[in-house]
Amino acid sequence: EDVSYSGTIAAAMEGTLMGIRSISLSQVRPPRGVSDFSAARKYAPEVLQKLIRMKEWPEDSLVNVNFPDCTADFVDGVAVASQGHRPPGSFAIEPRVDARNQPYYWVRITHTEKDTANNTDLDVISNNKVSVTAIKMDFTDHAWNKKLELLIND
């Protein structure tokens, strides 16, 4: 569900809505310290070339690529994955004050040892692989909509 509040994916969604083939690229950052972008530098060109060469691209979809928090030497390949979902309690709300002395709230991700299902983007990057996920713009839950129709039209 990180796609729900990612500015990077929001930009790719805007491109998709405008009819532009869109790809979001994100680097997993360490909780503290400086990000190592060597995995992105090594793997992004090949992944992007393959995606750009695709003949068919659904009009209502984008591709989300995530690079793991490790050096390029430790990357264990590239994998296509499903969108991950973090378990309840994975987010903490922190009250803060900005430079203008205005209060705001920061949503912080809290990680557990193994908080992801297999073959999701979260699982793939936690195993030091680059994840590639197709994201559809239509968030409609079509199966539930059918049940809602029965309820509303009763």
N, C-alpha and C. Protein backbone atom coordinates (compact mmCIF):
# COMPACT_ATOMS: atom_id res chain seq x y z
N GLU A 1 0.80 -1.20 0.00
CA GLU A 1 0.00 0.00 0.00
C GLU A 1 0.84 1.26 0.00
N ASP A 2 2.15 1.10 -0.05
CA ASP A 2 3.00 2.29 -0.13
C ASP A 2 2.66 3.13 -1.35
N VAL A 3 2.07 2.53 -2.37
CA VAL A 3 1.71 3.29 -3.57
C VAL A 3 0.64 4.34 -3.26
N SER A 4 -0.08 4.18 -2.17
CA SER A 4 -1.15 5.11 -1.83
C SER A 4 -0.64 6.49 -1.45
N TYR A 5 0.58 6.59 -0.98
CA TYR A 5 1.09 7.89 -0.55
C TYR A 5 2.47 8.22 -1.14
N SER A 6 2.89 7.47 -2.12
CA SER A 6 4.18 7.73 -2.75
C SER A 6 4.08 8.86 -3.77
N GLY A 7 4.87 9.89 -3.57
CA GLY A 7 4.91 10.98 -4.54
C GLY A 7 5.49 10.54 -5.87
N THR A 8 6.42 9.61 -5.83
CA THR A 8 7.03 9.08 -7.06
C THR A 8 5.99 8.36 -7.90
N ILE A 9 5.19 7.53 -7.25
CA ILE A 9 4.15 6.81 -7.98
C ILE A 9 3.04 7.77 -8.40
N ALA A 10 2.77 8.79 -7.59
CA ALA A 10 1.76 9.78 -7.97
C ALA A 10 2.16 10.46 -9.28
N ALA A 11 3.43 10.76 -9.45
CA ALA A 11 3.89 11.38 -10.70
C ALA A 11 3.71 10.42 -11.87
N ALA A 12 4.01 9.14 -11.66
CA ALA A 12 3.81 8.14 -12.72
C ALA A 12 2.33 7.97 -13.03
N MET A 13 1.48 8.07 -12.01
CA MET A 13 0.03 7.99 -12.24
C MET A 13 -0.44 9.16 -13.09
N GLU A 14 0.06 10.34 -12.80
CA GLU A 14 -0.31 11.52 -13.60
C GLU A 14 0.09 11.32 -15.06
N GLY A 15 1.29 10.81 -15.27
CA GLY A 15 1.73 10.53 -16.63
C GLY A 15 0.82 9.53 -17.31
N THR A 16 0.45 8.48 -16.59
CA THR A 16 -0.44 7.45 -17.13
C THR A 16 -1.78 8.05 -17.50
N LEU A 17 -2.32 8.91 -16.63
CA LEU A 17 -3.60 9.56 -16.92
C LEU A 17 -3.52 10.45 -18.16
N MET A 18 -2.32 10.96 -18.45
CA MET A 18 -2.13 11.81 -19.63
C MET A 18 -1.78 10.99 -20.87
N GLY A 19 -1.82 9.67 -20.75
CA GLY A 19 -1.54 8.81 -21.90
C GLY A 19 -0.07 8.56 -22.15
N ILE A 20 0.76 8.83 -21.17
CA ILE A 20 2.21 8.64 -21.30
C ILE A 20 2.61 7.35 -20.58
N ARG A 21 3.35 6.50 -21.26
CA ARG A 21 3.88 5.31 -20.59
C ARG A 21 4.74 5.79 -19.43
N SER A 22 4.44 5.29 -18.23
CA SER A 22 5.10 5.83 -17.05
C SER A 22 5.73 4.73 -16.20
N ILE A 23 6.91 5.07 -15.68
CA ILE A 23 7.67 4.15 -14.84
C ILE A 23 8.14 4.94 -13.62
N SER A 24 7.87 4.43 -12.44
CA SER A 24 8.39 5.06 -11.23
C SER A 24 9.61 4.26 -10.76
N LEU A 25 10.63 4.98 -10.34
CA LEU A 25 11.86 4.36 -9.84
C LEU A 25 12.06 4.83 -8.40
N SER A 26 12.21 3.89 -7.48
CA SER A 26 12.41 4.25 -6.07
C SER A 26 13.57 3.47 -5.47
N GLN A 27 14.33 4.16 -4.65
CA GLN A 27 15.44 3.56 -3.92
C GLN A 27 15.02 3.36 -2.48
N VAL A 28 15.10 2.14 -1.98
CA VAL A 28 14.81 1.88 -0.57
C VAL A 28 15.92 2.55 0.24
N ARG A 29 15.50 3.31 1.24
CA ARG A 29 16.47 4.03 2.05
C ARG A 29 16.66 3.33 3.40
N PRO A 30 17.88 3.41 3.92
CA PRO A 30 18.11 2.84 5.25
C PRO A 30 17.42 3.71 6.29
N PRO A 31 17.05 3.12 7.44
CA PRO A 31 16.41 3.92 8.48
C PRO A 31 17.27 5.11 8.90
N ARG A 32 18.57 4.91 8.93
CA ARG A 32 19.50 5.99 9.25
C ARG A 32 20.67 5.88 8.28
N GLY A 33 21.30 6.98 8.02
CA GLY A 33 22.46 6.93 7.15
C GLY A 33 22.13 7.38 5.74
N VAL A 34 23.04 7.09 4.84
CA VAL A 34 22.95 7.55 3.46
C VAL A 34 22.60 6.38 2.54
N SER A 35 21.74 6.64 1.58
CA SER A 35 21.37 5.62 0.60
C SER A 35 22.53 5.31 -0.32
N ASP A 36 22.65 4.06 -0.69
CA ASP A 36 23.64 3.62 -1.67
C ASP A 36 22.89 3.39 -2.98
N PHE A 37 23.16 4.21 -3.98
CA PHE A 37 22.44 4.14 -5.25
C PHE A 37 23.13 3.25 -6.28
N SER A 38 24.14 2.49 -5.87
CA SER A 38 24.88 1.68 -6.85
C SER A 38 24.01 0.61 -7.49
N ALA A 39 23.05 0.06 -6.75
CA ALA A 39 22.14 -0.94 -7.34
C ALA A 39 21.29 -0.30 -8.43
N ALA A 40 20.79 0.89 -8.16
CA ALA A 40 19.98 1.60 -9.17
C ALA A 40 20.83 1.95 -10.38
N ARG A 41 22.05 2.43 -10.14
CA ARG A 41 22.93 2.78 -11.27
C ARG A 41 23.23 1.57 -12.15
N LYS A 42 23.39 0.41 -11.53
CA LYS A 42 23.73 -0.79 -12.30
C LYS A 42 22.52 -1.40 -12.99
N TYR A 43 21.37 -1.48 -12.31
CA TYR A 43 20.23 -2.24 -12.83
C TYR A 43 19.18 -1.39 -13.55
N ALA A 44 19.09 -0.11 -13.26
CA ALA A 44 18.05 0.72 -13.90
C ALA A 44 18.18 0.77 -15.42
N PRO A 45 19.36 0.97 -15.99
CA PRO A 45 19.43 1.04 -17.45
C PRO A 45 18.87 -0.19 -18.16
N GLU A 46 19.22 -1.38 -17.69
CA GLU A 46 18.74 -2.61 -18.33
C GLU A 46 17.23 -2.76 -18.17
N VAL A 47 16.73 -2.54 -16.95
CA VAL A 47 15.29 -2.66 -16.71
C VAL A 47 14.53 -1.64 -17.56
N LEU A 48 14.99 -0.40 -17.58
CA LEU A 48 14.32 0.64 -18.36
C LEU A 48 14.35 0.32 -19.86
N GLN A 49 15.47 -0.15 -20.37
CA GLN A 49 15.55 -0.49 -21.80
C GLN A 49 14.53 -1.57 -22.15
N LYS A 50 14.42 -2.58 -21.31
CA LYS A 50 13.45 -3.65 -21.58
C LYS A 50 12.02 -3.11 -21.55
N LEU A 51 11.71 -2.26 -20.58
CA LEU A 51 10.36 -1.70 -20.48
C LEU A 51 10.04 -0.78 -21.65
N ILE A 52 10.99 0.05 -22.02
CA ILE A 52 10.77 1.00 -23.12
C ILE A 52 10.55 0.27 -24.44
N ARG A 53 11.19 -0.87 -24.61
CA ARG A 53 11.06 -1.64 -25.86
C ARG A 53 9.76 -2.43 -25.96
N MET A 54 9.01 -2.51 -24.88
CA MET A 54 7.76 -3.29 -24.90
C MET A 54 6.82 -2.77 -25.99
N LYS A 55 6.28 -3.68 -26.77
CA LYS A 55 5.35 -3.30 -27.84
C LYS A 55 3.98 -2.95 -27.26
N GLU A 56 3.50 -3.78 -26.35
CA GLU A 56 2.18 -3.56 -25.76
C GLU A 56 2.34 -3.02 -24.35
N TRP A 57 1.53 -2.01 -24.05
CA TRP A 57 1.54 -1.39 -22.73
C TRP A 57 0.12 -0.98 -22.43
N PRO A 58 -0.53 -1.57 -21.44
CA PRO A 58 -1.91 -1.20 -21.13
C PRO A 58 -2.03 0.29 -20.83
N GLU A 59 -3.04 0.92 -21.40
CA GLU A 59 -3.22 2.36 -21.24
C GLU A 59 -3.42 2.78 -19.80
N ASP A 60 -3.98 1.91 -18.98
CA ASP A 60 -4.32 2.28 -17.61
C ASP A 60 -3.35 1.67 -16.59
N SER A 61 -2.10 1.44 -17.00
CA SER A 61 -1.13 0.83 -16.10
C SER A 61 0.21 1.55 -16.15
N LEU A 62 0.93 1.46 -15.06
CA LEU A 62 2.29 1.98 -14.97
C LEU A 62 3.16 0.88 -14.38
N VAL A 63 4.44 1.10 -14.36
CA VAL A 63 5.36 0.12 -13.79
C VAL A 63 6.12 0.79 -12.64
N ASN A 64 6.16 0.10 -11.51
CA ASN A 64 6.87 0.57 -10.33
C ASN A 64 8.11 -0.29 -10.14
N VAL A 65 9.28 0.35 -10.10
CA VAL A 65 10.55 -0.35 -9.91
C VAL A 65 11.17 0.12 -8.60
N ASN A 66 11.53 -0.83 -7.75
CA ASN A 66 12.16 -0.51 -6.46
C ASN A 66 13.53 -1.17 -6.38
N PHE A 67 14.50 -0.38 -5.94
CA PHE A 67 15.87 -0.88 -5.79
C PHE A 67 16.14 -1.12 -4.30
N PRO A 68 16.72 -2.28 -3.97
CA PRO A 68 16.93 -2.62 -2.56
C PRO A 68 18.01 -1.76 -1.90
N ASP A 69 17.98 -1.76 -0.58
CA ASP A 69 18.94 -1.03 0.23
C ASP A 69 20.20 -1.87 0.42
N CYS A 70 20.95 -2.01 -0.67
CA CYS A 70 22.23 -2.73 -0.61
C CYS A 70 23.09 -2.25 -1.78
N THR A 71 24.36 -2.59 -1.74
CA THR A 71 25.23 -2.22 -2.85
C THR A 71 24.92 -3.12 -4.04
N ALA A 72 25.32 -2.68 -5.21
CA ALA A 72 25.06 -3.45 -6.44
C ALA A 72 25.63 -4.86 -6.35
N ASP A 73 26.75 -5.02 -5.66
CA ASP A 73 27.39 -6.34 -5.53
C ASP A 73 26.52 -7.35 -4.79
N PHE A 74 25.62 -6.86 -3.96
CA PHE A 74 24.77 -7.76 -3.16
C PHE A 74 23.38 -7.97 -3.76
N VAL A 75 23.09 -7.33 -4.88
CA VAL A 75 21.78 -7.52 -5.53
C VAL A 75 21.73 -8.93 -6.10
N ASP A 76 20.61 -9.61 -5.83
CA ASP A 76 20.43 -11.00 -6.25
C ASP A 76 19.49 -11.11 -7.44
N GLY A 77 19.54 -10.14 -8.34
CA GLY A 77 18.74 -10.19 -9.55
C GLY A 77 17.54 -9.26 -9.54
N VAL A 78 16.69 -9.46 -10.54
CA VAL A 78 15.48 -8.65 -10.74
C VAL A 78 14.30 -9.60 -10.74
N ALA A 79 13.20 -9.21 -10.10
CA ALA A 79 12.02 -10.08 -10.04
C ALA A 79 10.75 -9.28 -10.23
N VAL A 80 9.81 -9.85 -10.97
CA VAL A 80 8.48 -9.27 -11.09
C VAL A 80 7.71 -9.68 -9.85
N ALA A 81 7.01 -8.73 -9.24
CA ALA A 81 6.35 -8.98 -7.96
C ALA A 81 4.96 -8.35 -7.93
N SER A 82 4.16 -8.82 -6.98
CA SER A 82 2.86 -8.21 -6.72
C SER A 82 3.04 -7.05 -5.75
N GLN A 83 2.04 -6.20 -5.68
CA GLN A 83 2.06 -5.10 -4.73
C GLN A 83 1.95 -5.66 -3.31
N GLY A 84 2.81 -5.21 -2.43
CA GLY A 84 2.80 -5.69 -1.05
C GLY A 84 1.85 -4.90 -0.17
N HIS A 85 1.55 -5.47 0.96
CA HIS A 85 0.71 -4.83 1.97
C HIS A 85 1.37 -5.02 3.32
N ARG A 86 1.52 -3.93 4.04
CA ARG A 86 2.12 -4.02 5.36
C ARG A 86 1.06 -4.41 6.38
N PRO A 87 1.44 -5.17 7.40
CA PRO A 87 0.47 -5.61 8.41
C PRO A 87 0.04 -4.45 9.31
N PRO A 88 -1.08 -4.61 10.02
CA PRO A 88 -1.51 -3.56 10.96
C PRO A 88 -0.39 -3.24 11.94
N GLY A 89 -0.29 -1.98 12.29
CA GLY A 89 0.75 -1.54 13.21
C GLY A 89 2.05 -1.19 12.54
N SER A 90 2.07 -1.16 11.21
CA SER A 90 3.30 -0.87 10.47
C SER A 90 3.57 0.63 10.31
N PHE A 91 2.65 1.44 10.79
CA PHE A 91 2.81 2.88 10.64
C PHE A 91 2.67 3.55 12.00
N ALA A 92 3.50 4.54 12.24
CA ALA A 92 3.42 5.31 13.48
C ALA A 92 3.21 6.78 13.11
N ILE A 93 2.36 7.45 13.85
CA ILE A 93 2.09 8.87 13.61
C ILE A 93 2.92 9.68 14.60
N GLU A 94 3.75 10.58 14.07
CA GLU A 94 4.60 11.41 14.91
C GLU A 94 4.22 12.87 14.77
N PRO A 95 3.82 13.53 15.86
CA PRO A 95 3.56 14.97 15.78
C PRO A 95 4.89 15.72 15.65
N ARG A 96 4.93 16.69 14.77
CA ARG A 96 6.13 17.49 14.55
C ARG A 96 5.74 18.95 14.38
N VAL A 97 6.76 19.82 14.34
CA VAL A 97 6.55 21.25 14.13
C VAL A 97 7.50 21.67 13.01
N ASP A 98 6.97 22.40 12.01
CA ASP A 98 7.81 22.80 10.89
C ASP A 98 8.58 24.09 11.21
N ALA A 99 9.36 24.58 10.25
CA ALA A 99 10.20 25.76 10.44
C ALA A 99 9.40 27.03 10.72
N ARG A 100 8.12 27.04 10.35
CA ARG A 100 7.25 28.20 10.61
C ARG A 100 6.48 28.03 11.91
N ASN A 101 6.89 27.04 12.70
CA ASN A 101 6.25 26.73 13.98
C ASN A 101 4.82 26.22 13.82
N GLN A 102 4.54 25.60 12.67
CA GLN A 102 3.22 25.02 12.41
C GLN A 102 3.27 23.52 12.70
N PRO A 103 2.31 23.03 13.47
CA PRO A 103 2.31 21.60 13.75
C PRO A 103 1.87 20.78 12.53
N TYR A 104 2.43 19.60 12.40
CA TYR A 104 2.00 18.66 11.37
C TYR A 104 2.28 17.25 11.88
N TYR A 105 1.82 16.26 11.13
CA TYR A 105 2.01 14.87 11.53
C TYR A 105 2.77 14.12 10.46
N TRP A 106 3.74 13.35 10.87
CA TRP A 106 4.57 12.55 9.98
C TRP A 106 4.16 11.09 10.13
N VAL A 107 3.90 10.43 9.00
CA VAL A 107 3.58 9.00 9.04
C VAL A 107 4.89 8.25 8.80
N ARG A 108 5.32 7.50 9.80
CA ARG A 108 6.58 6.77 9.74
C ARG A 108 6.31 5.28 9.62
N ILE A 109 7.03 4.63 8.73
CA ILE A 109 6.90 3.18 8.58
C ILE A 109 7.73 2.51 9.67
N THR A 110 7.12 1.56 10.35
CA THR A 110 7.85 0.76 11.32
C THR A 110 7.97 -0.64 10.74
N HIS A 111 9.15 -1.19 10.78
CA HIS A 111 9.40 -2.50 10.16
C HIS A 111 9.44 -3.60 11.21
N THR A 112 8.91 -4.75 10.82
CA THR A 112 9.07 -5.94 11.65
C THR A 112 10.04 -6.86 10.94
N GLU A 113 10.46 -7.91 11.61
CA GLU A 113 11.46 -8.82 11.02
C GLU A 113 11.00 -9.37 9.67
N LYS A 114 9.80 -9.87 9.60
CA LYS A 114 9.27 -10.41 8.33
C LYS A 114 7.81 -10.00 8.25
N ASP A 115 7.59 -8.85 7.65
CA ASP A 115 6.23 -8.31 7.65
C ASP A 115 5.58 -8.33 6.26
N THR A 116 6.03 -9.26 5.41
CA THR A 116 5.50 -9.26 4.05
C THR A 116 5.19 -10.68 3.56
N ALA A 117 4.26 -10.75 2.65
CA ALA A 117 3.95 -12.03 2.00
C ALA A 117 5.00 -12.31 0.92
N ASN A 118 5.14 -13.57 0.55
CA ASN A 118 6.11 -13.95 -0.48
C ASN A 118 5.73 -13.37 -1.83
N ASN A 119 6.76 -13.09 -2.62
CA ASN A 119 6.63 -12.62 -4.00
C ASN A 119 5.93 -11.27 -4.13
N THR A 120 5.95 -10.47 -3.07
CA THR A 120 5.47 -9.09 -3.17
C THR A 120 6.68 -8.19 -3.35
N ASP A 121 6.44 -6.95 -3.74
CA ASP A 121 7.55 -6.02 -3.90
C ASP A 121 8.33 -5.86 -2.59
N LEU A 122 7.62 -5.83 -1.47
CA LEU A 122 8.30 -5.70 -0.18
C LEU A 122 9.18 -6.91 0.12
N ASP A 123 8.70 -8.09 -0.22
CA ASP A 123 9.46 -9.32 -0.02
C ASP A 123 10.68 -9.34 -0.93
N VAL A 124 10.48 -9.01 -2.19
CA VAL A 124 11.56 -9.05 -3.18
C VAL A 124 12.70 -8.12 -2.78
N ILE A 125 12.37 -6.87 -2.42
CA ILE A 125 13.45 -5.94 -2.07
C ILE A 125 14.11 -6.32 -0.74
N SER A 126 13.35 -6.94 0.18
CA SER A 126 13.96 -7.37 1.44
C SER A 126 14.93 -8.53 1.21
N ASN A 127 14.82 -9.20 0.07
CA ASN A 127 15.74 -10.26 -0.32
C ASN A 127 16.79 -9.78 -1.31
N ASN A 128 17.04 -8.47 -1.29
CA ASN A 128 18.09 -7.84 -2.10
C ASN A 128 17.92 -8.04 -3.60
N LYS A 129 16.67 -8.01 -4.05
CA LYS A 129 16.40 -8.05 -5.48
C LYS A 129 15.72 -6.75 -5.89
N VAL A 130 15.87 -6.40 -7.15
CA VAL A 130 15.14 -5.27 -7.71
C VAL A 130 13.73 -5.76 -8.00
N SER A 131 12.71 -5.03 -7.56
CA SER A 131 11.33 -5.45 -7.83
C SER A 131 10.74 -4.62 -8.96
N VAL A 132 9.96 -5.29 -9.79
CA VAL A 132 9.25 -4.66 -10.91
C VAL A 132 7.79 -5.07 -10.78
N THR A 133 6.90 -4.07 -10.64
CA THR A 133 5.48 -4.35 -10.41
C THR A 133 4.62 -3.51 -11.34
N ALA A 134 3.71 -4.17 -12.05
CA ALA A 134 2.72 -3.46 -12.87
C ALA A 134 1.61 -2.98 -11.94
N ILE A 135 1.28 -1.70 -12.04
CA ILE A 135 0.24 -1.10 -11.20
C ILE A 135 -0.89 -0.62 -12.11
N LYS A 136 -2.09 -1.04 -11.81
CA LYS A 136 -3.27 -0.65 -12.58
C LYS A 136 -3.88 0.60 -11.96
N MET A 137 -4.33 1.52 -12.78
CA MET A 137 -4.92 2.76 -12.28
C MET A 137 -6.31 2.55 -11.70
N ASP A 138 -7.02 1.55 -12.15
CA ASP A 138 -8.38 1.31 -11.68
C ASP A 138 -8.34 0.62 -10.32
N PHE A 139 -8.63 1.38 -9.27
CA PHE A 139 -8.63 0.83 -7.91
C PHE A 139 -9.96 0.18 -7.55
N THR A 140 -10.88 0.16 -8.48
CA THR A 140 -12.21 -0.38 -8.19
C THR A 140 -12.14 -1.83 -7.77
N ASP A 141 -12.84 -2.17 -6.71
CA ASP A 141 -12.98 -3.57 -6.29
C ASP A 141 -14.22 -4.10 -6.99
N HIS A 142 -14.03 -4.64 -8.18
CA HIS A 142 -15.16 -5.05 -9.02
C HIS A 142 -16.00 -6.15 -8.38
N ALA A 143 -15.38 -7.09 -7.69
CA ALA A 143 -16.14 -8.17 -7.04
C ALA A 143 -17.03 -7.60 -5.94
N TRP A 144 -16.50 -6.68 -5.16
CA TRP A 144 -17.29 -6.09 -4.08
C TRP A 144 -18.38 -5.19 -4.65
N ASN A 145 -18.08 -4.50 -5.74
CA ASN A 145 -19.09 -3.65 -6.38
C ASN A 145 -20.34 -4.46 -6.73
N LYS A 146 -20.15 -5.69 -7.19
CA LYS A 146 -21.31 -6.53 -7.53
C LYS A 146 -22.14 -6.81 -6.29
N LYS A 147 -21.50 -7.06 -5.16
CA LYS A 147 -22.23 -7.28 -3.91
C LYS A 147 -22.91 -5.99 -3.45
N LEU A 148 -22.23 -4.87 -3.64
CA LEU A 148 -22.83 -3.59 -3.27
C LEU A 148 -24.07 -3.29 -4.12
N GLU A 149 -24.00 -3.64 -5.40
CA GLU A 149 -25.17 -3.45 -6.27
C GLU A 149 -26.37 -4.21 -5.73
N LEU A 150 -26.16 -5.44 -5.29
CA LEU A 150 -27.25 -6.23 -4.72
C LEU A 150 -27.80 -5.56 -3.47
N LEU A 151 -26.93 -5.04 -2.64
CA LEU A 151 -27.35 -4.39 -1.41
C LEU A 151 -28.10 -3.09 -1.70
N ILE A 152 -27.53 -2.24 -2.52
CA ILE A 152 -28.10 -0.92 -2.79
C ILE A 152 -29.39 -1.03 -3.59
N ASN A 153 -29.45 -1.96 -4.52
CA ASN A 153 -30.63 -2.08 -5.38
C ASN A 153 -31.71 -2.99 -4.80
N ASP A 154 -31.55 -3.41 -3.56
CA ASP A 154 -32.54 -4.28 -2.91
C ASP A 154 -33.74 -3.48 -2.43
